[in-house]
Amino acid sequence: MTAFDWTKLQKPEELELTRKYRFRSDFLPTLFSYLRVQPGMKVVDVGCGTGSFTLDLARAVGPGGCVTGIDLDERLLTIAGKRATRDEVGKSVRFLHGSAYEIPLPNGQADAAVCISLLQHLRAPVKALVEMKRIVTTGGSVSAVEGVGSLPPGMPEIDVLPSCGFPANEQLCASLTKIDGAWLKHVHPRATDELKTNRDTKAVIQRIPALFHEAGFHKIELNGHFSVFSFADSRNDYTRLREYARDCLSHLQNLVESEFAEVVAVAETESGLHRSDLDKAIDLIHQKSEFLLGDRSRLLGQHSWIGTAYIICAGSETREECFEPPAPQRR
């Protein structure tokens, strides 16, 4: 059996960036309340990837609880395991190899099961929700967090940094869009077919509440969050900001190079891409890196922003008790 390789769709570095910096730390307590995660609980993180959010969950449940991360990609689990050994909460975390359709845990094992950016990629999301429901206790909850879309409009999906006042940012966006567009057209469909994942993610996101209902959940709660990032936010720590910018730019270069190579490998003639397209993109990324990282005041003085909207859905089997007036008594 061929090993499941999520990197055909998303590189580990990208997965790490999207989960490590997805939510501000001051929002996490609110998010955990939406996910119905409390101290002392046993929680399962389905589709845990590199384990970044799994460790956040471990901090939420505290020393009296435990968290199990489940993923089908063994390479991502290896990264997650190494991360856990370096974290103080790692002792209360374990990682298991398994599918969202066949979670390797007995019935009623957990108090809560959660997943982030998982359902939209599944061809059978209801089946996964039913399986997550199987592993929670009676009255336990199952929750999903899914990204809905990003702003401002026109931003290439593979670039997670704001424009930052970089003079050639429009050129960079156009260059990234050309390469990423060719990858989405010629490589992405092949990868989704090979991995048996869903192509139309937006269709799944729009049906999140209906999916929970179809999976047998009767008590369903919907919440939302709009995550905004700007270098100008005074709450940011400069060292962490610089690390984030460096990580993003380094990842962007690696991603552009790998996407270009994958497109040329399967559709060199039809893609319309040339080596000059890659060289231009790499040069502009280097320019943006020097522009941002070479001057502290420039990095902190940027007022552009980016934001991503999320839908957060939680469900349980428990039916709400309906008030029934007492029957009139005969005299």
Foldseek 3Di string as FASTA:
>chain_A
DDAQDCVLPPNLLRVCLCLQPVADPVCLVVVCVLQVQAALWEEEEEQCFLPNVQVVSLVRNDPNYAYEYEHRHVVRQVNNLVVLVVDPSSVRYYYDYDHLLCDPAAFQQTLEYEYEQPLLWAPQSLSSLLSRQRRHHAVGKYKYKYWQDKDDPLAPPLQPDFLLPQPCSVVLSVLLCLLVVLLVVFRVVVSCVVNVIDDRSNVRVVCVVVSNVVSQFADKDKDKDKHKDALQPPVDDLVVLLVSLVSSLVVSLVVSVVSNVSSCVGPVPVSPDDPVSNVVNNVVSVSVNCQQNVDSCSSNVGDGMMIIMMMMMMTHNDHDDDDDDDDDDDD
